[in-house]
Amino acid sequence: MHKIDDEVFNITKAYIRILKPVKVVTPFEDATMGPFHSFGMAVLILEDESGCIGEAPVFHSYNSIFENCLLPILLHNDHATYATMYYRMYWSIRNEGFRGQAAALLGQVDVALHDLAARRKGLPLHQYLNASKNQVKVYGSGGGANYSLKELEAEVSIFLSAGVDCYKMKVGKDFGTKMKEDVDRVKFVRSLLGKQVRLAVDANQIWNCEQARQFIDLTGNENLAWFEEPIHSASIDQIAHLCKSTTSKIAYGESERSTLVFPALVDAGVRHLQPVPTQINGVKGWMETRDLAAKEGIEFSSGGYSWFTASFIASATEDCQVEYLYSLMAGLEEYFSVYPKLKNGMFELSDIEGLSVRIDWDYCQRKDLIAGFYSWKSSQVAQYRPVVNM
C-alpha cells in the first residue's frame, strides 16, 4: 500500500496554463445555465526540486486565493511531510470558506500532488491509490435541456454504440418552468433506450420539494435510475423531506466542496453520492466518501473532467461509475496525447505513471492553443502570512 502522508514535496515552481476553449459537439444547456458553445480547461503544474511534475485541472479565476493562501506554503515547505503541509494549506483557507471555491482549489492542488507522488514512484495513479483494475465503468451524460428530439436521438445513439448501460439527461428546462416538456423528453429518451439501459435525470437544483415530487409522480413509469439534485443542495432539511416521501433514488454531491457534508446527506436519505475529485477539498476526503458509500451500500459515481476522474474511480468497487459528458468533453481530445478511451461501456486506463492522461504541450504550443500562462517560483513568493477578513 502506498501512503502519501510521509512523502516530502519541496515544490520549487508552479505554473498555470490556460487552454483555449474548443467548440462543443452540441451547444449545451441545463436548468439554469447555458447554452455553452465552447468548453476549455486550465491546468496547474507543480514542479519539485528534482524536476518531477504533477498536473491537475484548476479553477484559474481564483488565483488570489492560490497566491495568498496555498502557494506560500507550497513554495516554502521546509521539508515538512505531506500530512503537515496539507494540514497547513487546509487551515490557510479557513477565512475563504471551507465549502466554496477555495476548498476546490485546495483539492486541485492535492490532485497535482498525488499525480506527482505517483510519477515519482513510477506508478499509475490508480495503482498508487491501490486500485486492482485498469478499467472503469462509464455512464453517458448530456441530454441538454435545449436539445431537440433529433439531437437527443443522435447523442443517445453515440452512447449506445459505445456500450454504456446508463444515460443521464437534463431536466428543469427554462428555470424549471417547462415540466410537461421535461416529462415528454424523458418519455422519448426512455423509448430510445429500451428497458435494458438505465435512465437518470439531473435538475441542477432548480425545483422545490413539492415540484420535485410532482416530477417524480409524472415520470414514475419510466423507472429512473436516479434523480440528481432535484432541489437546492444547501437545503438538507428539504432533501431529507423529499427522500422520506419517495422511493426514488435521490443523488447529490457534485456541488459540494467539503467532504464533511456527505454523512449528513446520507442521514438525509440520499442514496447516490457524487463527489468530484477535482472539485472537492482533497483526495483523502474523496476516498472517505467513496468508502462511506460502500459501507452504506449506496451508489457512487464522479464526474468533472472524466479522463482525470477515471484514475480515482478505478479505486472504487466495480459498479461505481465515471460520468462522461460527451458534448463538452469530446472536443478536449485535441489537447491530449494520452487519455482513457471509451469502449464497451468502459474507460481503459493507460499504464503511464501518474494520472492516466497526458496533455500534449508541444502540440498545444505549435497550434497556439495556450491562451494564458502564470508562473511562480519560491524566490518570487513570500512565506505564508494569514489573510485576515473582518
Protein backbone atom coordinates (compact mmCIF):
# COMPACT_ATOMS: atom_id res chain seq x y z
CA MET A 1 0.00 0.00 0.00
CA HIS A 2 1.36 3.41 -0.98
CA LYS A 3 0.82 6.20 1.52
CA ILE A 4 1.35 9.84 0.75
CA ASP A 5 1.37 11.13 4.34
CA ASP A 6 5.13 10.72 4.85
CA GLU A 7 6.13 11.99 1.40
CA VAL A 8 8.02 15.30 1.26
CA PHE A 9 7.24 17.75 -1.52
CA ASN A 10 9.73 20.55 -1.93
CA ILE A 11 7.91 22.44 -4.67
CA THR A 12 10.14 24.97 -6.43
CA LYS A 13 7.89 26.13 -9.28
CA ALA A 14 4.20 26.34 -10.05
CA TYR A 15 2.52 27.08 -13.37
CA ILE A 16 -0.99 27.52 -14.65
CA ARG A 17 -1.59 27.13 -18.37
CA ILE A 18 -4.98 28.16 -19.72
CA LEU A 19 -6.02 26.29 -22.84
CA LYS A 20 -8.20 27.89 -25.46
CA PRO A 21 -11.80 26.66 -25.36
CA VAL A 22 -12.90 24.23 -28.06
CA LYS A 23 -16.28 24.12 -29.75
CA VAL A 24 -18.71 21.73 -28.06
CA VAL A 25 -20.33 18.92 -30.05
CA THR A 26 -23.81 20.35 -29.44
CA PRO A 27 -24.50 23.69 -27.66
CA PHE A 28 -25.46 22.57 -24.19
CA GLU A 29 -27.87 23.98 -21.61
CA ASP A 30 -29.12 22.82 -18.23
CA ALA A 31 -31.87 24.15 -15.96
CA THR A 32 -30.17 27.43 -15.05
CA MET A 33 -27.05 27.83 -17.20
CA GLY A 34 -26.12 27.88 -20.86
CA PRO A 35 -26.19 27.39 -23.67
CA PHE A 36 -22.47 26.60 -23.63
CA HIS A 37 -20.98 26.86 -27.12
CA SER A 38 -17.39 26.14 -26.10
CA PHE A 39 -15.53 24.42 -23.29
CA GLY A 40 -11.95 24.63 -22.07
CA MET A 41 -9.69 23.98 -19.15
CA ALA A 42 -6.75 25.35 -17.22
CA VAL A 43 -4.02 23.13 -15.83
CA LEU A 44 -1.91 23.50 -12.71
CA ILE A 45 1.65 22.15 -12.91
CA LEU A 46 3.72 21.72 -9.75
CA GLU A 47 7.45 21.01 -10.08
CA ASP A 48 9.63 19.71 -7.27
CA GLU A 49 13.35 20.16 -6.64
CA SER A 50 14.20 17.10 -8.74
CA GLY A 51 12.27 18.38 -11.75
CA CYS A 52 9.39 15.91 -11.35
CA ILE A 53 5.96 17.39 -12.06
CA GLY A 54 2.34 16.81 -11.14
CA GLU A 55 -0.65 18.20 -13.03
CA ALA A 56 -4.34 18.79 -12.37
CA PRO A 57 -7.23 20.80 -13.80
CA VAL A 58 -7.59 24.07 -11.88
CA PHE A 59 -10.02 26.97 -11.41
CA HIS A 60 -7.62 29.68 -12.61
CA SER A 61 -10.04 32.53 -11.87
CA TYR A 62 -9.23 32.16 -8.15
CA ASN A 63 -5.53 32.97 -8.39
CA SER A 64 -5.71 35.42 -5.48
CA ILE A 65 -6.52 32.55 -3.11
CA PHE A 66 -3.80 30.45 -4.69
CA GLU A 67 -1.23 33.24 -4.30
CA ASN A 68 -2.18 34.32 -0.77
CA CYS A 69 -3.02 31.02 0.90
CA LEU A 70 -1.66 27.94 -0.86
CA LEU A 71 1.43 28.97 -2.84
CA PRO A 72 3.32 30.47 0.13
CA ILE A 73 3.00 27.09 1.90
CA LEU A 74 3.77 25.01 -1.18
CA LEU A 75 6.86 27.03 -2.12
CA HIS A 76 8.23 27.37 1.43
CA ASN A 77 7.56 23.88 2.74
CA ASP A 78 10.82 23.49 4.73
CA HIS A 79 10.89 19.69 4.18
CA ALA A 80 7.62 19.09 6.03
CA THR A 81 5.75 15.89 5.22
CA TYR A 82 2.68 15.91 3.02
CA ALA A 83 0.45 15.38 6.08
CA THR A 84 1.81 18.52 7.72
CA MET A 85 1.79 20.57 4.52
CA TYR A 86 -1.78 19.63 3.62
CA TYR A 87 -2.91 20.45 7.19
CA ARG A 88 -1.34 23.90 6.90
CA MET A 89 -2.92 24.53 3.49
CA TYR A 90 -6.30 23.35 4.73
CA TRP A 91 -6.35 25.83 7.58
CA SER A 92 -4.95 28.64 5.42
CA ILE A 93 -8.29 28.82 3.56
CA ARG A 94 -10.45 29.00 6.69
CA ASN A 95 -11.49 32.61 6.15
CA GLU A 96 -12.07 31.98 2.45
CA GLY A 97 -14.65 29.32 3.23
CA PHE A 98 -14.35 25.56 3.60
CA ARG A 99 -17.37 24.99 1.34
CA GLY A 100 -16.51 27.34 -1.52
CA GLN A 101 -14.06 27.53 -4.38
CA ALA A 102 -11.09 27.91 -2.03
CA ALA A 103 -11.74 24.33 -0.91
CA ALA A 104 -11.99 23.18 -4.54
CA LEU A 105 -8.68 24.90 -5.29
CA LEU A 106 -7.07 23.11 -2.35
CA GLY A 107 -8.38 19.82 -3.77
CA GLN A 108 -6.94 20.61 -7.19
CA VAL A 109 -3.53 21.25 -5.64
CA ASP A 110 -3.95 17.93 -3.83
CA VAL A 111 -4.68 16.09 -7.10
CA ALA A 112 -1.49 17.57 -8.59
CA LEU A 113 0.49 16.43 -5.54
CA HIS A 114 -0.91 12.91 -5.85
CA ASP A 115 -0.05 12.88 -9.55
CA LEU A 116 3.49 13.98 -8.68
CA ALA A 117 3.78 11.35 -5.94
CA ALA A 118 2.67 8.56 -8.27
CA ARG A 119 5.06 9.72 -11.01
CA ARG A 120 7.95 9.73 -8.55
CA LYS A 121 7.12 6.13 -7.65
CA GLY A 122 6.84 5.21 -11.34
CA LEU A 123 3.23 4.04 -10.81
CA PRO A 124 -0.08 4.84 -12.48
CA LEU A 125 -2.08 6.94 -10.05
CA HIS A 126 -4.88 4.39 -9.82
CA GLN A 127 -2.34 1.77 -8.71
CA TYR A 128 -0.82 4.26 -6.26
CA LEU A 129 -4.35 4.53 -4.84
CA ASN A 130 -4.44 0.72 -4.57
CA ALA A 131 -6.77 0.04 -7.49
CA SER A 132 -6.71 -3.55 -8.68
CA LYS A 133 -8.25 -2.89 -12.10
CA ASN A 134 -7.39 -0.83 -15.19
CA GLN A 135 -10.94 -0.30 -16.41
CA VAL A 136 -13.77 1.83 -15.06
CA LYS A 137 -17.45 1.81 -15.87
CA VAL A 138 -18.81 4.85 -17.71
CA TYR A 139 -22.27 6.35 -17.84
CA GLY A 140 -23.26 8.63 -20.70
CA SER A 141 -24.23 12.17 -19.80
CA GLY A 142 -25.75 15.01 -21.77
CA GLY A 143 -29.32 15.42 -22.94
CA GLY A 144 -29.14 19.20 -22.71
CA ALA A 145 -32.41 20.89 -21.75
CA ASN A 146 -32.18 22.77 -25.05
CA TYR A 147 -31.70 19.65 -27.23
CA SER A 148 -34.22 18.92 -29.93
CA LEU A 149 -35.60 15.39 -30.13
CA LYS A 150 -33.31 14.81 -33.09
CA GLU A 151 -30.28 15.92 -31.08
CA LEU A 152 -31.32 13.71 -28.17
CA GLU A 153 -31.64 10.75 -30.50
CA ALA A 154 -28.20 11.40 -32.05
CA GLU A 155 -26.48 11.59 -28.67
CA VAL A 156 -28.24 8.50 -27.29
CA SER A 157 -27.15 6.61 -30.39
CA ILE A 158 -23.50 7.54 -29.76
CA PHE A 159 -23.64 6.22 -26.21
CA LEU A 160 -25.50 3.06 -27.12
CA SER A 161 -22.88 2.35 -29.79
CA ALA A 162 -20.21 2.81 -27.11
CA GLY A 163 -21.87 0.18 -24.93
CA VAL A 164 -22.89 2.27 -21.92
CA ASP A 165 -25.68 0.86 -19.76
CA CYS A 166 -26.82 4.19 -18.27
CA TYR A 167 -27.61 7.62 -19.74
CA LYS A 168 -28.29 10.85 -17.81
CA MET A 169 -30.21 13.79 -19.25
CA LYS A 170 -31.05 17.30 -18.07
CA VAL A 171 -34.50 18.36 -16.85
CA GLY A 172 -35.82 21.60 -15.40
CA LYS A 173 -35.85 23.46 -18.71
CA ASP A 174 -36.07 27.27 -18.61
CA PHE A 175 -35.51 27.52 -14.86
CA GLY A 176 -37.93 24.71 -14.15
CA THR A 177 -40.91 26.27 -15.92
CA LYS A 178 -41.42 23.60 -18.61
CA MET A 179 -42.11 20.47 -16.59
CA LYS A 180 -44.55 18.98 -19.12
CA GLU A 181 -41.90 19.31 -21.83
CA ASP A 182 -39.33 17.76 -19.46
CA VAL A 183 -41.60 14.79 -18.88
CA ASP A 184 -42.24 14.33 -22.61
CA ARG A 185 -38.49 14.42 -23.29
CA VAL A 186 -37.86 11.80 -20.58
CA LYS A 187 -40.51 9.53 -22.12
CA PHE A 188 -38.95 10.00 -25.56
CA VAL A 189 -35.45 9.11 -24.33
CA ARG A 190 -36.79 6.09 -22.47
CA SER A 191 -38.30 4.87 -25.75
CA LEU A 192 -34.85 5.14 -27.36
CA LEU A 193 -33.02 3.35 -24.56
CA GLY A 194 -35.39 0.46 -24.15
CA LYS A 195 -35.63 -1.46 -20.89
CA GLN A 196 -32.02 -2.65 -20.66
CA VAL A 197 -30.31 0.76 -20.37
CA ARG A 198 -30.83 2.81 -17.23
CA LEU A 199 -32.03 6.43 -17.46
CA ALA A 200 -31.16 9.11 -14.89
CA VAL A 201 -32.16 12.78 -14.75
CA ASP A 202 -30.47 15.91 -13.37
CA ALA A 203 -32.42 19.04 -12.39
CA ASN A 204 -29.42 21.10 -11.25
CA GLN A 205 -31.22 22.15 -8.04
CA ILE A 206 -33.96 24.18 -9.75
CA TRP A 207 -37.15 22.87 -8.12
CA ASN A 208 -38.57 22.95 -4.61
CA CYS A 209 -39.63 19.84 -2.75
CA GLU A 210 -43.23 19.87 -3.98
CA GLN A 211 -42.19 20.37 -7.61
CA ALA A 212 -39.64 17.56 -7.35
CA ARG A 213 -42.34 15.21 -6.03
CA GLN A 214 -44.62 16.26 -8.88
CA PHE A 215 -41.91 15.40 -11.42
CA ILE A 216 -41.36 12.02 -9.76
CA ASP A 217 -45.09 11.28 -9.98
CA LEU A 218 -45.23 12.28 -13.65
CA THR A 219 -42.24 10.10 -14.59
CA GLY A 220 -42.95 7.20 -12.25
CA ASN A 221 -43.45 4.71 -15.06
CA GLU A 222 -40.07 5.48 -16.63
CA ASN A 223 -38.09 3.62 -13.93
CA LEU A 224 -35.49 6.36 -13.37
CA ALA A 225 -32.12 5.14 -12.09
CA TRP A 226 -31.68 8.27 -10.00
CA PHE A 227 -32.91 11.85 -9.68
CA GLU A 228 -29.91 14.17 -9.35
CA GLU A 229 -30.02 17.45 -7.41
CA PRO A 230 -33.78 17.97 -7.63
CA ILE A 231 -33.74 20.79 -5.04
CA HIS A 232 -31.15 23.20 -3.68
CA SER A 233 -28.07 21.36 -2.40
CA ALA A 234 -27.90 23.51 0.77
CA SER A 235 -31.44 22.61 1.83
CA ILE A 236 -30.54 19.48 3.78
CA ASP A 237 -33.86 19.52 5.64
CA GLN A 238 -35.83 19.65 2.40
CA ILE A 239 -33.63 16.95 0.85
CA ALA A 240 -34.46 14.77 3.86
CA HIS A 241 -38.16 15.57 3.49
CA LEU A 242 -38.08 14.59 -0.20
CA CYS A 243 -36.15 11.39 0.44
CA LYS A 244 -38.64 10.31 3.10
CA SER A 245 -41.59 10.93 0.79
CA THR A 246 -40.41 8.92 -2.21
CA THR A 247 -38.85 5.59 -3.08
CA SER A 248 -36.94 7.20 -5.97
CA LYS A 249 -33.17 7.22 -5.56
CA ILE A 250 -32.00 10.79 -4.89
CA ALA A 251 -28.43 11.78 -5.80
CA TYR A 252 -26.25 14.63 -4.52
CA GLY A 253 -22.63 15.62 -4.13
CA GLU A 254 -21.12 17.23 -7.21
CA SER A 255 -21.86 20.73 -5.89
CA GLU A 256 -20.16 20.01 -2.57
CA ARG A 257 -16.65 21.28 -1.85
CA SER A 258 -16.30 19.77 1.63
CA THR A 259 -16.38 16.04 2.25
CA LEU A 260 -17.75 16.69 5.75
CA VAL A 261 -21.22 17.25 4.24
CA PHE A 262 -21.63 13.72 2.92
CA PRO A 263 -22.56 11.91 6.17
CA ALA A 264 -25.37 14.45 6.59
CA LEU A 265 -26.55 13.72 3.05
CA VAL A 266 -26.60 10.00 3.83
CA ASP A 267 -28.52 10.66 7.04
CA ALA A 268 -30.98 12.72 4.99
CA GLY A 269 -31.70 9.69 2.83
CA VAL A 270 -29.55 10.38 -0.25
CA ARG A 271 -28.75 7.05 -1.90
CA HIS A 272 -26.26 8.10 -4.57
CA LEU A 273 -23.15 10.13 -3.70
CA GLN A 274 -21.30 12.08 -6.38
CA PRO A 275 -18.17 13.88 -5.12
CA VAL A 276 -15.91 15.19 -7.90
CA PRO A 277 -12.21 14.56 -7.12
CA THR A 278 -11.09 17.76 -8.86
CA GLN A 279 -13.72 19.89 -7.08
CA ILE A 280 -13.68 18.51 -3.53
CA ASN A 281 -11.26 19.63 -0.82
CA GLY A 282 -8.86 16.70 -1.02
CA VAL A 283 -8.15 13.23 -2.34
CA LYS A 284 -8.39 11.57 1.08
CA GLY A 285 -11.78 13.14 1.63
CA TRP A 286 -12.96 11.87 -1.75
CA MET A 287 -11.79 8.36 -0.80
CA GLU A 288 -13.51 8.60 2.59
CA THR A 289 -16.75 9.44 0.77
CA ARG A 290 -16.16 6.52 -1.60
CA ASP A 291 -15.78 4.26 1.43
CA LEU A 292 -18.84 5.78 3.11
CA ALA A 293 -20.94 4.86 0.07
CA ALA A 294 -19.59 1.31 0.11
CA LYS A 295 -20.27 0.97 3.84
CA GLU A 296 -23.85 2.23 3.47
CA GLY A 297 -24.48 0.13 0.36
CA ILE A 298 -25.42 3.12 -1.77
CA GLU A 299 -24.49 4.13 -5.29
CA PHE A 300 -21.35 6.12 -6.03
CA SER A 301 -20.13 7.99 -9.11
CA SER A 302 -17.99 11.00 -10.02
CA GLY A 303 -17.98 13.48 -12.87
CA GLY A 304 -15.91 16.54 -13.67
CA TYR A 305 -13.11 16.13 -16.23
CA SER A 306 -13.89 12.49 -16.98
CA TRP A 307 -10.43 11.33 -18.04
CA PHE A 308 -8.84 12.66 -14.84
CA THR A 309 -11.68 11.33 -12.70
CA ALA A 310 -11.28 7.82 -14.14
CA SER A 311 -8.00 7.30 -12.24
CA PHE A 312 -9.86 7.81 -8.98
CA ILE A 313 -12.99 5.80 -9.81
CA ALA A 314 -10.70 2.85 -10.60
CA SER A 315 -10.00 2.63 -6.86
CA ALA A 316 -13.72 2.13 -6.11
CA THR A 317 -15.81 -1.01 -6.50
CA GLU A 318 -16.71 -2.46 -9.90
CA ASP A 319 -20.18 -0.92 -10.06
CA CYS A 320 -19.02 2.66 -9.42
CA GLN A 321 -19.10 4.88 -12.50
CA VAL A 322 -17.47 7.91 -14.05
CA GLU A 323 -19.68 10.44 -15.81
CA TYR A 324 -18.79 11.23 -19.42
CA LEU A 325 -20.48 14.44 -20.58
CA TYR A 326 -19.75 13.80 -24.22
CA SER A 327 -20.90 17.09 -25.75
CA LEU A 328 -18.45 19.11 -23.63
CA MET A 329 -15.61 16.65 -23.13
CA ALA A 330 -15.18 15.21 -26.63
CA GLY A 331 -13.62 18.34 -28.12
CA LEU A 332 -10.89 18.35 -25.49
CA GLU A 333 -9.35 15.23 -27.05
CA GLU A 334 -7.29 17.56 -29.24
CA TYR A 335 -5.23 18.62 -26.20
CA PHE A 336 -4.24 15.10 -25.16
CA SER A 337 -1.73 12.55 -26.40
CA VAL A 338 -2.94 10.01 -23.81
CA TYR A 339 -6.43 9.67 -22.35
CA PRO A 340 -8.81 6.82 -21.49
CA LYS A 341 -10.74 5.51 -24.49
CA LEU A 342 -14.40 4.55 -24.23
CA LYS A 343 -15.15 1.02 -25.44
CA ASN A 344 -17.84 -1.45 -24.41
CA GLY A 345 -19.08 0.94 -21.75
CA MET A 346 -15.67 1.19 -20.07
CA PHE A 347 -12.72 3.57 -19.92
CA GLU A 348 -9.42 1.70 -20.34
CA LEU A 349 -6.68 3.35 -18.25
CA SER A 350 -3.11 3.57 -19.52
CA ASP A 351 -0.15 2.23 -17.55
CA ILE A 352 1.79 5.52 -17.63
CA GLU A 353 2.92 6.87 -14.29
CA GLY A 354 0.62 9.33 -12.55
CA LEU A 355 -2.80 10.27 -13.87
CA SER A 356 -3.95 8.29 -16.90
CA VAL A 357 -3.71 11.34 -19.15
CA ARG A 358 -1.02 13.39 -20.85
CA ILE A 359 -1.60 16.81 -22.32
CA ASP A 360 0.48 17.27 -25.46
CA TRP A 361 2.04 20.58 -24.52
CA ASP A 362 4.29 20.69 -27.60
CA TYR A 363 1.25 20.29 -29.84
CA CYS A 364 -0.68 22.92 -27.88
CA GLN A 365 2.17 25.39 -28.29
CA ARG A 366 2.58 24.68 -32.02
CA LYS A 367 -1.14 25.11 -32.62
CA ASP A 368 -1.34 28.24 -30.45
CA LEU A 369 -3.83 26.60 -28.08
CA ILE A 370 -2.46 28.18 -24.89
CA ALA A 371 -4.48 31.29 -24.13
CA GLY A 372 -2.82 32.31 -20.87
CA PHE A 373 0.11 31.48 -18.62
CA TYR A 374 1.03 32.17 -14.98
CA SER A 375 4.22 31.10 -13.22
CA TRP A 376 5.60 31.36 -9.70
CA LYS A 377 8.95 30.48 -8.12
CA SER A 378 9.83 30.32 -4.44
CA SER A 379 12.05 33.39 -4.80
CA GLN A 380 9.02 35.38 -6.04
CA VAL A 381 6.59 34.37 -3.32
CA ALA A 382 6.81 35.44 0.31
CA GLN A 383 6.33 32.97 3.13
CA TYR A 384 2.80 32.42 4.34
CA ARG A 385 1.07 35.09 6.39
CA PRO A 386 -2.61 34.67 7.34
CA VAL A 387 -5.08 36.77 5.39
CA VAL A 388 -7.50 38.33 7.88
CA ASN A 389 -11.05 39.10 6.74
CA MET A 390 -13.29 41.06 9.08
